[in-house]
Amino acid sequence: QPATYVIKFIPFSFFILIPGAEILLPPFLVIFPNSVPSQFMSDQARAKKYEQIKERRINAARHLVQLLPNYLYSLEKDSQVGTEDIAKIQQLKSDFKKAQLLPTDLLQYKYLFKRFADFRYFNVKNLQKIAYFMSLEPVTGLNTINNLLSVFKLRIPIDTPGLNFLTKAILVRELNMYFGRIRKEDESLSFEHLDKYSEEQIDAICFRRGIDIDTQ
């Protein structure tokens, strides 16, 4: 993502161009730990970062696997949900039990997801898990202050009463924008020949969509 690289490089270049500024780099990285452009990261640092993101995704997946059945069950019992939608929800629950279910098999249910799975309907913790599963390091509105507080081993939870409405609004906006970009990319990719992409590029495309790229 060239735009992301440029945004990261501009403030980071300050420490390269100005003599003596490097002494401010350690505290800067404490406050903004994700600000280092990938070009300045060693292979070891990249591998460590990847493992951290992957582990966080696995933990998020475990949470979301439990969330979805419970959410479908609550919809099934909701008196405001119509009979036809209930039938579709029951069919979706049945399909989830299939061993060979493919992501494309879920396209027939896009109406259900669009109507009943709007990000606004989820609490802030679940939104954070969705972001982690998509390999995002989400902006919550508390990132910077929590990075500062981490020096004192303190942290403000994103679901703190009185603040959760703000963190939720920020996460909803971020996820909507991210999935909007993914949809636009998918539209472009549908006209492309995938054989023109390298394996590394295809891995990156899959990784950004929550698709497991590890080979056994």
N, C-alpha and C. Protein backbone atom coordinates (compact mmCIF):
# COMPACT_ATOMS: atom_id res chain seq x y z
N GLN A 1 0.84 -1.17 0.00
CA GLN A 1 0.00 0.00 0.00
C GLN A 1 0.88 1.24 0.00
N PRO A 2 1.14 1.82 -1.19
CA PRO A 2 2.05 2.96 -1.30
C PRO A 2 1.68 4.13 -0.41
N ALA A 3 0.39 4.45 -0.31
CA ALA A 3 -0.03 5.60 0.50
C ALA A 3 0.38 5.42 1.95
N THR A 4 0.23 4.20 2.47
CA THR A 4 0.61 3.91 3.85
C THR A 4 2.10 4.09 4.05
N TYR A 5 2.90 3.63 3.07
CA TYR A 5 4.35 3.76 3.17
C TYR A 5 4.75 5.24 3.21
N VAL A 6 4.12 6.06 2.38
CA VAL A 6 4.44 7.49 2.33
C VAL A 6 4.09 8.16 3.65
N ILE A 7 2.90 7.84 4.19
CA ILE A 7 2.45 8.44 5.45
C ILE A 7 3.42 8.10 6.58
N LYS A 8 3.92 6.86 6.58
CA LYS A 8 4.86 6.45 7.62
C LYS A 8 6.24 7.07 7.41
N PHE A 9 6.63 7.20 6.14
CA PHE A 9 7.99 7.65 5.86
C PHE A 9 8.19 9.13 6.19
N ILE A 10 7.16 9.96 5.98
CA ILE A 10 7.32 11.41 6.18
C ILE A 10 7.76 11.74 7.61
N PRO A 11 7.04 11.29 8.67
CA PRO A 11 7.53 11.62 10.02
C PRO A 11 8.82 10.89 10.37
N PHE A 12 8.99 9.66 9.84
CA PHE A 12 10.19 8.89 10.17
C PHE A 12 11.43 9.54 9.56
N SER A 13 11.28 10.19 8.40
CA SER A 13 12.43 10.83 7.75
C SER A 13 13.00 11.97 8.59
N PHE A 14 12.19 12.52 9.49
CA PHE A 14 12.65 13.59 10.39
C PHE A 14 13.88 13.13 11.17
N PHE A 15 13.87 11.88 11.61
CA PHE A 15 14.97 11.36 12.44
C PHE A 15 16.20 11.04 11.60
N ILE A 16 16.03 10.94 10.29
CA ILE A 16 17.15 10.65 9.40
C ILE A 16 17.82 11.94 8.93
N LEU A 17 17.00 12.93 8.62
CA LEU A 17 17.51 14.16 8.00
C LEU A 17 18.07 15.16 8.99
N ILE A 18 17.54 15.19 10.21
CA ILE A 18 17.97 16.20 11.18
C ILE A 18 19.03 15.61 12.12
N PRO A 19 20.22 16.17 12.13
CA PRO A 19 21.30 15.65 13.00
C PRO A 19 20.89 15.67 14.47
N GLY A 20 21.13 14.58 15.15
CA GLY A 20 20.84 14.48 16.57
C GLY A 20 19.41 14.11 16.89
N ALA A 21 18.55 14.12 15.89
CA ALA A 21 17.13 13.82 16.15
C ALA A 21 16.90 12.36 16.54
N GLU A 22 17.90 11.52 16.21
CA GLU A 22 17.71 10.09 16.51
C GLU A 22 17.57 9.81 18.00
N ILE A 23 18.02 10.75 18.85
CA ILE A 23 17.88 10.52 20.29
C ILE A 23 16.40 10.56 20.71
N LEU A 24 15.57 11.16 19.86
CA LEU A 24 14.13 11.22 20.14
C LEU A 24 13.38 10.02 19.58
N LEU A 25 14.11 9.19 18.82
CA LEU A 25 13.44 8.06 18.16
C LEU A 25 12.86 7.04 19.14
N PRO A 26 13.60 6.63 20.19
CA PRO A 26 13.02 5.64 21.12
C PRO A 26 11.69 6.08 21.75
N PRO A 27 11.60 7.32 22.32
CA PRO A 27 10.30 7.72 22.87
C PRO A 27 9.22 7.84 21.79
N PHE A 28 9.62 8.24 20.58
CA PHE A 28 8.66 8.33 19.48
C PHE A 28 8.07 6.96 19.18
N LEU A 29 8.91 5.93 19.19
CA LEU A 29 8.45 4.58 18.88
C LEU A 29 7.61 3.99 20.01
N VAL A 30 7.83 4.48 21.23
CA VAL A 30 6.97 4.04 22.34
C VAL A 30 5.55 4.53 22.12
N ILE A 31 5.43 5.79 21.67
CA ILE A 31 4.11 6.38 21.46
C ILE A 31 3.49 5.89 20.15
N PHE A 32 4.32 5.73 19.12
CA PHE A 32 3.83 5.30 17.80
C PHE A 32 4.61 4.06 17.35
N PRO A 33 4.36 2.91 17.94
CA PRO A 33 5.16 1.72 17.66
C PRO A 33 5.02 1.18 16.23
N ASN A 34 3.94 1.54 15.54
CA ASN A 34 3.72 1.03 14.18
C ASN A 34 4.13 2.02 13.10
N SER A 35 4.92 3.01 13.49
CA SER A 35 5.26 4.08 12.54
C SER A 35 6.50 3.78 11.70
N VAL A 36 7.19 2.67 11.98
CA VAL A 36 8.41 2.36 11.23
C VAL A 36 8.04 1.84 9.85
N PRO A 37 8.50 2.48 8.76
CA PRO A 37 8.23 1.96 7.42
C PRO A 37 8.84 0.58 7.25
N SER A 38 8.18 -0.28 6.50
CA SER A 38 8.66 -1.66 6.35
C SER A 38 10.05 -1.71 5.73
N GLN A 39 10.41 -0.68 4.93
CA GLN A 39 11.73 -0.66 4.30
C GLN A 39 12.85 -0.60 5.33
N PHE A 40 12.54 -0.10 6.54
CA PHE A 40 13.56 0.05 7.57
C PHE A 40 13.52 -1.11 8.58
N MET A 41 12.66 -2.08 8.33
CA MET A 41 12.56 -3.23 9.23
C MET A 41 13.43 -4.37 8.72
N SER A 42 14.11 -5.04 9.62
CA SER A 42 14.91 -6.20 9.24
C SER A 42 13.99 -7.38 8.93
N ASP A 43 14.54 -8.39 8.28
CA ASP A 43 13.75 -9.59 7.99
C ASP A 43 13.24 -10.23 9.28
N GLN A 44 14.08 -10.19 10.31
CA GLN A 44 13.69 -10.76 11.60
C GLN A 44 12.53 -9.97 12.21
N ALA A 45 12.60 -8.65 12.11
CA ALA A 45 11.53 -7.81 12.65
C ALA A 45 10.23 -8.02 11.88
N ARG A 46 10.33 -8.18 10.55
CA ARG A 46 9.13 -8.43 9.75
C ARG A 46 8.51 -9.77 10.13
N ALA A 47 9.36 -10.79 10.30
CA ALA A 47 8.86 -12.11 10.66
C ALA A 47 8.18 -12.09 12.02
N LYS A 48 8.79 -11.36 12.96
CA LYS A 48 8.20 -11.25 14.30
C LYS A 48 6.86 -10.54 14.24
N LYS A 49 6.79 -9.46 13.44
CA LYS A 49 5.54 -8.71 13.29
C LYS A 49 4.46 -9.59 12.68
N TYR A 50 4.83 -10.37 11.67
CA TYR A 50 3.87 -11.26 11.02
C TYR A 50 3.33 -12.29 12.01
N GLU A 51 4.22 -12.86 12.82
CA GLU A 51 3.79 -13.86 13.80
C GLU A 51 2.85 -13.24 14.84
N GLN A 52 3.12 -11.99 15.23
CA GLN A 52 2.24 -11.30 16.19
C GLN A 52 0.84 -11.10 15.59
N ILE A 53 0.81 -10.66 14.34
CA ILE A 53 -0.48 -10.44 13.67
C ILE A 53 -1.21 -11.76 13.49
N LYS A 54 -0.47 -12.80 13.12
CA LYS A 54 -1.09 -14.11 12.90
C LYS A 54 -1.66 -14.68 14.19
N GLU A 55 -0.92 -14.55 15.28
CA GLU A 55 -1.39 -15.06 16.57
C GLU A 55 -2.63 -14.31 17.02
N ARG A 56 -2.63 -13.01 16.81
CA ARG A 56 -3.79 -12.20 17.17
C ARG A 56 -5.00 -12.59 16.32
N ARG A 57 -4.75 -12.89 15.04
CA ARG A 57 -5.84 -13.33 14.15
C ARG A 57 -6.41 -14.66 14.61
N ILE A 58 -5.55 -15.60 14.99
CA ILE A 58 -6.02 -16.91 15.45
C ILE A 58 -6.90 -16.76 16.69
N ASN A 59 -6.46 -15.93 17.63
CA ASN A 59 -7.26 -15.70 18.84
C ASN A 59 -8.59 -15.04 18.51
N ALA A 60 -8.56 -14.10 17.56
CA ALA A 60 -9.81 -13.44 17.15
C ALA A 60 -10.74 -14.44 16.48
N ALA A 61 -10.18 -15.34 15.68
CA ALA A 61 -11.00 -16.34 14.99
C ALA A 61 -11.71 -17.24 15.99
N ARG A 62 -11.00 -17.62 17.05
CA ARG A 62 -11.62 -18.47 18.09
C ARG A 62 -12.82 -17.75 18.71
N HIS A 63 -12.68 -16.46 18.91
CA HIS A 63 -13.76 -15.67 19.50
C HIS A 63 -14.93 -15.55 18.52
N LEU A 64 -14.62 -15.25 17.26
CA LEU A 64 -15.68 -15.03 16.26
C LEU A 64 -16.42 -16.32 15.92
N VAL A 65 -15.73 -17.45 16.00
CA VAL A 65 -16.38 -18.74 15.74
C VAL A 65 -17.49 -18.99 16.76
N GLN A 66 -17.31 -18.52 17.97
CA GLN A 66 -18.34 -18.65 19.00
C GLN A 66 -19.40 -17.55 18.87
N LEU A 67 -18.98 -16.39 18.40
CA LEU A 67 -19.90 -15.26 18.29
C LEU A 67 -20.99 -15.50 17.25
N LEU A 68 -20.60 -16.00 16.07
CA LEU A 68 -21.55 -16.11 14.97
C LEU A 68 -22.73 -17.02 15.27
N PRO A 69 -22.52 -18.25 15.78
CA PRO A 69 -23.68 -19.09 16.11
C PRO A 69 -24.61 -18.45 17.13
N ASN A 70 -24.03 -17.81 18.14
CA ASN A 70 -24.86 -17.14 19.16
C ASN A 70 -25.65 -15.98 18.55
N TYR A 71 -25.02 -15.27 17.63
CA TYR A 71 -25.69 -14.14 16.98
C TYR A 71 -26.85 -14.64 16.11
N LEU A 72 -26.61 -15.73 15.36
CA LEU A 72 -27.67 -16.29 14.52
C LEU A 72 -28.82 -16.81 15.38
N TYR A 73 -28.47 -17.41 16.51
CA TYR A 73 -29.51 -17.92 17.42
C TYR A 73 -30.38 -16.78 17.95
N SER A 74 -29.74 -15.66 18.31
CA SER A 74 -30.51 -14.52 18.83
C SER A 74 -31.40 -13.92 17.75
N LEU A 75 -30.93 -13.91 16.50
CA LEU A 75 -31.76 -13.43 15.40
C LEU A 75 -32.96 -14.34 15.17
N GLU A 76 -32.71 -15.63 15.31
CA GLU A 76 -33.77 -16.63 15.10
C GLU A 76 -34.89 -16.45 16.11
N LYS A 77 -34.55 -15.98 17.30
CA LYS A 77 -35.54 -15.81 18.37
C LYS A 77 -36.12 -14.39 18.41
N ASP A 78 -35.62 -13.52 17.54
CA ASP A 78 -36.08 -12.13 17.54
C ASP A 78 -37.44 -12.01 16.86
N SER A 79 -38.41 -11.48 17.57
CA SER A 79 -39.77 -11.36 17.03
C SER A 79 -39.85 -10.35 15.90
N GLN A 80 -38.84 -9.48 15.76
CA GLN A 80 -38.84 -8.47 14.71
C GLN A 80 -38.34 -9.00 13.37
N VAL A 81 -37.78 -10.21 13.38
CA VAL A 81 -37.25 -10.81 12.16
C VAL A 81 -38.36 -11.57 11.45
N GLY A 82 -38.54 -11.32 10.15
CA GLY A 82 -39.62 -11.93 9.38
C GLY A 82 -39.45 -13.43 9.18
N THR A 83 -40.55 -14.10 8.81
CA THR A 83 -40.56 -15.55 8.62
C THR A 83 -39.58 -15.99 7.53
N GLU A 84 -39.55 -15.27 6.40
CA GLU A 84 -38.65 -15.63 5.31
C GLU A 84 -37.19 -15.50 5.73
N ASP A 85 -36.90 -14.46 6.49
CA ASP A 85 -35.53 -14.28 6.96
C ASP A 85 -35.15 -15.36 7.97
N ILE A 86 -36.09 -15.76 8.80
CA ILE A 86 -35.84 -16.85 9.76
C ILE A 86 -35.46 -18.12 9.02
N ALA A 87 -36.19 -18.41 7.94
CA ALA A 87 -35.91 -19.62 7.15
C ALA A 87 -34.51 -19.55 6.56
N LYS A 88 -34.11 -18.38 6.07
CA LYS A 88 -32.77 -18.21 5.52
C LYS A 88 -31.69 -18.36 6.59
N ILE A 89 -31.97 -17.82 7.78
CA ILE A 89 -31.03 -17.93 8.89
C ILE A 89 -30.84 -19.39 9.28
N GLN A 90 -31.92 -20.15 9.33
CA GLN A 90 -31.84 -21.57 9.65
C GLN A 90 -31.06 -22.33 8.59
N GLN A 91 -31.25 -21.94 7.33
CA GLN A 91 -30.50 -22.58 6.24
C GLN A 91 -29.02 -22.25 6.35
N LEU A 92 -28.72 -21.00 6.72
CA LEU A 92 -27.32 -20.60 6.90
C LEU A 92 -26.68 -21.38 8.03
N LYS A 93 -27.40 -21.56 9.14
CA LYS A 93 -26.88 -22.34 10.26
C LYS A 93 -26.57 -23.76 9.83
N SER A 94 -27.45 -24.32 9.00
CA SER A 94 -27.24 -25.68 8.50
C SER A 94 -26.01 -25.76 7.61
N ASP A 95 -25.84 -24.75 6.75
CA ASP A 95 -24.69 -24.74 5.85
C ASP A 95 -23.37 -24.60 6.61
N PHE A 96 -23.38 -23.88 7.72
CA PHE A 96 -22.16 -23.72 8.50
C PHE A 96 -21.65 -25.05 9.07
N LYS A 97 -22.52 -26.02 9.16
CA LYS A 97 -22.13 -27.32 9.69
C LYS A 97 -21.48 -28.21 8.63
N LYS A 98 -21.53 -27.78 7.37
CA LYS A 98 -20.94 -28.56 6.29
C LYS A 98 -19.42 -28.51 6.35
N ALA A 99 -18.80 -29.65 6.16
CA ALA A 99 -17.34 -29.72 6.24
C ALA A 99 -16.66 -29.01 5.07
N GLN A 100 -17.29 -29.00 3.91
CA GLN A 100 -16.67 -28.45 2.71
C GLN A 100 -17.26 -27.10 2.31
N LEU A 101 -17.73 -26.32 3.27
CA LEU A 101 -18.32 -25.02 2.97
C LEU A 101 -17.24 -24.06 2.44
N LEU A 102 -17.53 -23.43 1.31
CA LEU A 102 -16.60 -22.48 0.70
C LEU A 102 -17.10 -21.04 0.91
N PRO A 103 -16.19 -20.07 0.93
CA PRO A 103 -16.64 -18.67 1.07
C PRO A 103 -17.66 -18.27 0.01
N THR A 104 -17.49 -18.79 -1.22
CA THR A 104 -18.42 -18.45 -2.30
C THR A 104 -19.82 -19.01 -2.04
N ASP A 105 -19.92 -20.04 -1.20
CA ASP A 105 -21.24 -20.60 -0.87
C ASP A 105 -22.07 -19.62 -0.05
N LEU A 106 -21.40 -18.64 0.55
CA LEU A 106 -22.10 -17.69 1.41
C LEU A 106 -22.67 -16.50 0.64
N LEU A 107 -22.36 -16.42 -0.66
CA LEU A 107 -22.82 -15.28 -1.44
C LEU A 107 -24.34 -15.19 -1.48
N GLN A 108 -25.00 -16.34 -1.43
CA GLN A 108 -26.47 -16.33 -1.48
C GLN A 108 -27.07 -15.70 -0.22
N TYR A 109 -26.24 -15.54 0.82
CA TYR A 109 -26.74 -14.97 2.08
C TYR A 109 -26.31 -13.51 2.26
N LYS A 110 -25.79 -12.89 1.21
CA LYS A 110 -25.28 -11.53 1.37
C LYS A 110 -26.37 -10.56 1.83
N TYR A 111 -27.61 -10.83 1.46
CA TYR A 111 -28.72 -9.99 1.92
C TYR A 111 -28.83 -10.03 3.44
N LEU A 112 -28.70 -11.24 4.00
CA LEU A 112 -28.78 -11.39 5.46
C LEU A 112 -27.66 -10.63 6.15
N PHE A 113 -26.45 -10.80 5.63
CA PHE A 113 -25.31 -10.14 6.25
C PHE A 113 -25.44 -8.61 6.15
N LYS A 114 -25.91 -8.14 5.01
CA LYS A 114 -26.05 -6.70 4.83
C LYS A 114 -27.10 -6.13 5.76
N ARG A 115 -28.18 -6.89 5.98
CA ARG A 115 -29.28 -6.37 6.80
C ARG A 115 -29.04 -6.55 8.29
N PHE A 116 -28.52 -7.72 8.68
CA PHE A 116 -28.46 -8.04 10.11
C PHE A 116 -27.05 -8.03 10.69
N ALA A 117 -26.03 -7.88 9.85
CA ALA A 117 -24.65 -7.93 10.36
C ALA A 117 -23.92 -6.61 10.14
N ASP A 118 -24.67 -5.52 10.18
CA ASP A 118 -24.05 -4.19 10.10
C ASP A 118 -23.13 -4.03 11.31
N PHE A 119 -21.97 -3.44 11.08
CA PHE A 119 -21.00 -3.28 12.17
C PHE A 119 -21.56 -2.50 13.35
N ARG A 120 -22.55 -1.66 13.10
CA ARG A 120 -23.14 -0.87 14.18
C ARG A 120 -23.85 -1.73 15.22
N TYR A 121 -24.20 -2.97 14.83
CA TYR A 121 -24.95 -3.84 15.73
C TYR A 121 -24.06 -4.60 16.71
N PHE A 122 -22.74 -4.51 16.54
CA PHE A 122 -21.82 -5.27 17.38
C PHE A 122 -21.19 -4.36 18.44
N ASN A 123 -20.85 -4.96 19.57
CA ASN A 123 -20.19 -4.15 20.60
C ASN A 123 -18.73 -3.91 20.23
N VAL A 124 -18.09 -3.01 20.95
CA VAL A 124 -16.77 -2.55 20.55
C VAL A 124 -15.72 -3.66 20.64
N LYS A 125 -15.86 -4.56 21.60
CA LYS A 125 -14.91 -5.67 21.73
C LYS A 125 -14.98 -6.60 20.52
N ASN A 126 -16.22 -6.89 20.06
CA ASN A 126 -16.38 -7.75 18.89
C ASN A 126 -15.85 -7.06 17.63
N LEU A 127 -16.04 -5.77 17.55
CA LEU A 127 -15.51 -5.02 16.41
C LEU A 127 -13.98 -5.08 16.38
N GLN A 128 -13.38 -5.01 17.55
CA GLN A 128 -11.92 -5.12 17.64
C GLN A 128 -11.46 -6.49 17.18
N LYS A 129 -12.19 -7.54 17.54
CA LYS A 129 -11.83 -8.89 17.11
C LYS A 129 -11.96 -9.04 15.60
N ILE A 130 -12.99 -8.43 15.02
CA ILE A 130 -13.15 -8.47 13.56
C ILE A 130 -11.96 -7.79 12.89
N ALA A 131 -11.54 -6.66 13.43
CA ALA A 131 -10.38 -5.95 12.89
C ALA A 131 -9.12 -6.81 12.99
N TYR A 132 -8.92 -7.46 14.13
CA TYR A 132 -7.76 -8.33 14.30
C TYR A 132 -7.78 -9.48 13.31
N PHE A 133 -8.98 -10.06 13.09
CA PHE A 133 -9.07 -11.18 12.15
C PHE A 133 -8.70 -10.75 10.73
N MET A 134 -8.98 -9.49 10.41
CA MET A 134 -8.64 -8.97 9.08
C MET A 134 -7.21 -8.42 9.04
N SER A 135 -6.42 -8.73 10.07
CA SER A 135 -5.01 -8.34 10.14
C SER A 135 -4.82 -6.83 10.28
N LEU A 136 -5.84 -6.15 10.78
CA LEU A 136 -5.74 -4.71 11.00
C LEU A 136 -5.19 -4.42 12.39
N GLU A 137 -4.51 -3.30 12.50
CA GLU A 137 -4.14 -2.77 13.81
C GLU A 137 -5.02 -1.54 14.00
N PRO A 138 -6.22 -1.74 14.53
CA PRO A 138 -7.26 -0.72 14.45
C PRO A 138 -6.96 0.53 15.27
N VAL A 139 -7.39 1.65 14.72
CA VAL A 139 -7.37 2.92 15.45
C VAL A 139 -8.62 2.95 16.32
N THR A 140 -8.44 3.14 17.61
CA THR A 140 -9.58 3.12 18.53
C THR A 140 -9.86 4.47 19.16
N GLY A 141 -8.96 5.42 18.93
CA GLY A 141 -9.08 6.71 19.60
C GLY A 141 -8.31 6.76 20.91
N LEU A 142 -7.85 5.56 21.35
CA LEU A 142 -7.11 5.48 22.61
C LEU A 142 -5.69 4.97 22.40
N ASN A 143 -5.30 4.74 21.14
CA ASN A 143 -4.00 4.13 20.86
C ASN A 143 -2.84 4.93 21.45
N THR A 144 -2.81 6.22 21.15
CA THR A 144 -1.67 7.04 21.58
C THR A 144 -1.59 7.16 23.10
N ILE A 145 -2.72 7.44 23.73
CA ILE A 145 -2.70 7.59 25.19
C ILE A 145 -2.37 6.27 25.87
N ASN A 146 -2.82 5.15 25.30
CA ASN A 146 -2.49 3.85 25.89
C ASN A 146 -1.01 3.52 25.70
N ASN A 147 -0.43 3.95 24.58
CA ASN A 147 1.00 3.75 24.38
C ASN A 147 1.80 4.54 25.42
N LEU A 148 1.34 5.73 25.74
CA LEU A 148 2.00 6.53 26.78
C LEU A 148 1.82 5.89 28.15
N LEU A 149 0.60 5.42 28.43
CA LEU A 149 0.32 4.81 29.73
C LEU A 149 1.03 3.48 29.91
N SER A 150 1.40 2.84 28.77
CA SER A 150 2.07 1.53 28.87
C SER A 150 3.41 1.65 29.60
N VAL A 151 4.01 2.84 29.59
CA VAL A 151 5.26 3.07 30.33
C VAL A 151 5.03 2.82 31.82
N PHE A 152 3.82 3.12 32.28
CA PHE A 152 3.46 2.93 33.69
C PHE A 152 2.63 1.66 33.90
N LYS A 153 2.60 0.81 32.85
CA LYS A 153 1.86 -0.45 32.87
C LYS A 153 0.37 -0.23 33.13
N LEU A 154 -0.15 0.83 32.54
CA LEU A 154 -1.57 1.15 32.64
C LEU A 154 -2.18 1.13 31.25
N ARG A 155 -3.50 0.96 31.19
CA ARG A 155 -4.19 0.92 29.91
C ARG A 155 -5.66 1.27 30.11
N ILE A 156 -6.23 2.04 29.20
CA ILE A 156 -7.65 2.35 29.23
C ILE A 156 -8.38 1.37 28.32
N PRO A 157 -9.27 0.53 28.84
CA PRO A 157 -10.00 -0.43 27.99
C PRO A 157 -10.87 0.29 26.97
N ILE A 158 -11.00 -0.30 25.79
CA ILE A 158 -11.78 0.35 24.73
C ILE A 158 -13.28 0.33 25.03
N ASP A 159 -13.70 -0.53 25.97
CA ASP A 159 -15.12 -0.58 26.32
C ASP A 159 -15.43 0.16 27.63
N THR A 160 -14.54 1.09 28.00
CA THR A 160 -14.76 1.90 29.20
C THR A 160 -16.06 2.70 29.07
N PRO A 161 -16.97 2.58 30.04
CA PRO A 161 -18.22 3.35 29.98
C PRO A 161 -17.94 4.85 29.83
N GLY A 162 -18.66 5.47 28.93
CA GLY A 162 -18.46 6.89 28.65
C GLY A 162 -17.52 7.14 27.49
N LEU A 163 -16.65 6.14 27.20
CA LEU A 163 -15.74 6.25 26.06
C LEU A 163 -16.09 5.26 24.96
N ASN A 164 -16.83 4.19 25.33
CA ASN A 164 -17.09 3.13 24.35
C ASN A 164 -17.89 3.60 23.14
N PHE A 165 -18.71 4.64 23.32
CA PHE A 165 -19.47 5.14 22.16
C PHE A 165 -18.52 5.75 21.13
N LEU A 166 -17.43 6.38 21.62
CA LEU A 166 -16.44 6.99 20.73
C LEU A 166 -15.60 5.92 20.04
N THR A 167 -15.08 4.97 20.83
CA THR A 167 -14.24 3.92 20.25
C THR A 167 -15.04 3.07 19.27
N LYS A 168 -16.31 2.83 19.59
CA LYS A 168 -17.15 2.05 18.67
C LYS A 168 -17.36 2.79 17.36
N ALA A 169 -17.66 4.07 17.43
CA ALA A 169 -17.89 4.87 16.21
C ALA A 169 -16.64 4.87 15.33
N ILE A 170 -15.47 4.98 15.95
CA ILE A 170 -14.21 4.99 15.20
C ILE A 170 -13.97 3.64 14.53
N LEU A 171 -14.20 2.55 15.27
CA LEU A 171 -14.00 1.21 14.72
C LEU A 171 -14.98 0.90 13.60
N VAL A 172 -16.24 1.29 13.78
CA VAL A 172 -17.25 1.07 12.73
C VAL A 172 -16.82 1.78 11.45
N ARG A 173 -16.40 3.02 11.58
CA ARG A 173 -15.96 3.78 10.40
C ARG A 173 -14.75 3.13 9.75
N GLU A 174 -13.79 2.71 10.56
CA GLU A 174 -12.57 2.11 10.01
C GLU A 174 -12.88 0.81 9.28
N LEU A 175 -13.72 -0.04 9.86
CA LEU A 175 -14.07 -1.31 9.23
C LEU A 175 -14.86 -1.09 7.95
N ASN A 176 -15.79 -0.16 7.97
CA ASN A 176 -16.56 0.13 6.75
C ASN A 176 -15.65 0.62 5.63
N MET A 177 -14.70 1.47 5.96
CA MET A 177 -13.76 1.97 4.96
C MET A 177 -12.87 0.84 4.44
N TYR A 178 -12.41 -0.01 5.35
CA TYR A 178 -11.52 -1.11 4.95
C TYR A 178 -12.24 -2.08 4.02
N PHE A 179 -13.43 -2.51 4.42
CA PHE A 179 -14.17 -3.46 3.58
C PHE A 179 -14.61 -2.80 2.27
N GLY A 180 -14.84 -1.49 2.29
CA GLY A 180 -15.14 -0.78 1.04
C GLY A 180 -13.96 -0.85 0.08
N ARG A 181 -12.74 -0.66 0.61
CA ARG A 181 -11.54 -0.76 -0.24
C ARG A 181 -11.36 -2.18 -0.76
N ILE A 182 -11.62 -3.16 0.10
CA ILE A 182 -11.49 -4.55 -0.32
C ILE A 182 -12.46 -4.86 -1.46
N ARG A 183 -13.70 -4.38 -1.34
CA ARG A 183 -14.68 -4.63 -2.41
C ARG A 183 -14.23 -4.00 -3.73
N LYS A 184 -13.69 -2.79 -3.67
CA LYS A 184 -13.21 -2.14 -4.89
C LYS A 184 -12.03 -2.91 -5.48
N GLU A 185 -11.14 -3.39 -4.62
CA GLU A 185 -10.01 -4.18 -5.10
C GLU A 185 -10.50 -5.47 -5.74
N ASP A 186 -11.51 -6.10 -5.14
CA ASP A 186 -12.05 -7.34 -5.69
C ASP A 186 -12.67 -7.12 -7.07
N GLU A 187 -13.33 -5.97 -7.23
CA GLU A 187 -13.90 -5.65 -8.55
C GLU A 187 -12.79 -5.53 -9.59
N SER A 188 -11.69 -4.90 -9.21
CA SER A 188 -10.56 -4.77 -10.14
C SER A 188 -9.92 -6.12 -10.42
N LEU A 189 -9.77 -6.93 -9.36
CA LEU A 189 -9.14 -8.23 -9.51
C LEU A 189 -9.95 -9.16 -10.40
N SER A 190 -11.28 -8.96 -10.42
CA SER A 190 -12.13 -9.84 -11.23
C SER A 190 -11.83 -9.69 -12.72
N PHE A 191 -11.18 -8.58 -13.10
CA PHE A 191 -10.83 -8.36 -14.51
C PHE A 191 -9.36 -8.68 -14.78
N GLU A 192 -8.65 -9.11 -13.76
CA GLU A 192 -7.22 -9.38 -13.90
C GLU A 192 -6.97 -10.88 -14.08
N HIS A 193 -5.81 -11.19 -14.64
CA HIS A 193 -5.35 -12.58 -14.71
C HIS A 193 -4.40 -12.79 -13.54
N LEU A 194 -4.78 -13.68 -12.62
CA LEU A 194 -3.99 -13.86 -11.41
C LEU A 194 -2.59 -14.39 -11.69
N ASP A 195 -2.41 -15.03 -12.86
CA ASP A 195 -1.08 -15.58 -13.13
C ASP A 195 -0.03 -14.48 -13.37
N LYS A 196 -0.48 -13.24 -13.48
CA LYS A 196 0.49 -12.15 -13.65
C LYS A 196 1.04 -11.67 -12.32
N TYR A 197 0.43 -12.15 -11.21
CA TYR A 197 0.88 -11.77 -9.88
C TYR A 197 1.89 -12.79 -9.35
N SER A 198 2.83 -12.32 -8.57
CA SER A 198 3.78 -13.23 -7.93
C SER A 198 3.11 -13.92 -6.76
N GLU A 199 3.73 -14.98 -6.28
CA GLU A 199 3.18 -15.70 -5.12
C GLU A 199 3.10 -14.78 -3.90
N GLU A 200 4.10 -13.93 -3.74
CA GLU A 200 4.11 -12.99 -2.61
C GLU A 200 2.93 -12.02 -2.70
N GLN A 201 2.62 -11.54 -3.90
CA GLN A 201 1.50 -10.62 -4.08
C GLN A 201 0.16 -11.31 -3.80
N ILE A 202 0.03 -12.55 -4.25
CA ILE A 202 -1.21 -13.30 -4.00
C ILE A 202 -1.36 -13.58 -2.51
N ASP A 203 -0.25 -13.89 -1.84
CA ASP A 203 -0.29 -14.09 -0.39
C ASP A 203 -0.78 -12.83 0.32
N ALA A 204 -0.29 -11.67 -0.13
CA ALA A 204 -0.71 -10.39 0.48
C ALA A 204 -2.19 -10.13 0.24
N ILE A 205 -2.67 -10.44 -0.96
CA ILE A 205 -4.09 -10.26 -1.28
C ILE A 205 -4.95 -11.13 -0.37
N CYS A 206 -4.54 -12.39 -0.20
CA CYS A 206 -5.29 -13.32 0.66
C CYS A 206 -5.23 -12.90 2.12
N PHE A 207 -4.05 -12.51 2.56
CA PHE A 207 -3.85 -12.17 3.97
C PHE A 207 -4.74 -11.01 4.39
N ARG A 208 -4.88 -10.03 3.51
CA ARG A 208 -5.71 -8.85 3.82
C ARG A 208 -7.19 -9.19 3.86
N ARG A 209 -7.55 -10.37 3.39
CA ARG A 209 -8.96 -10.78 3.38
C ARG A 209 -9.26 -11.86 4.41
N GLY A 210 -8.34 -12.10 5.31
CA GLY A 210 -8.57 -13.08 6.35
C GLY A 210 -8.45 -14.51 5.87
N ILE A 211 -7.79 -14.72 4.72
CA ILE A 211 -7.63 -16.06 4.15
C ILE A 211 -6.30 -16.63 4.61
N ASP A 212 -6.32 -17.84 5.13
CA ASP A 212 -5.10 -18.48 5.63
C ASP A 212 -4.15 -18.76 4.48
N ILE A 213 -2.92 -18.31 4.58
CA ILE A 213 -1.95 -18.50 3.50
C ILE A 213 -0.86 -19.49 3.89
N ASP A 214 -0.92 -20.04 5.09
CA ASP A 214 0.09 -21.00 5.52
C ASP A 214 -0.12 -22.33 4.81
N THR A 215 0.95 -22.91 4.32
CA THR A 215 0.87 -24.21 3.66
C THR A 215 1.40 -25.27 4.61
N GLN A 216 0.75 -26.41 4.57
CA GLN A 216 1.15 -27.50 5.48
C GLN A 216 2.16 -28.41 4.77
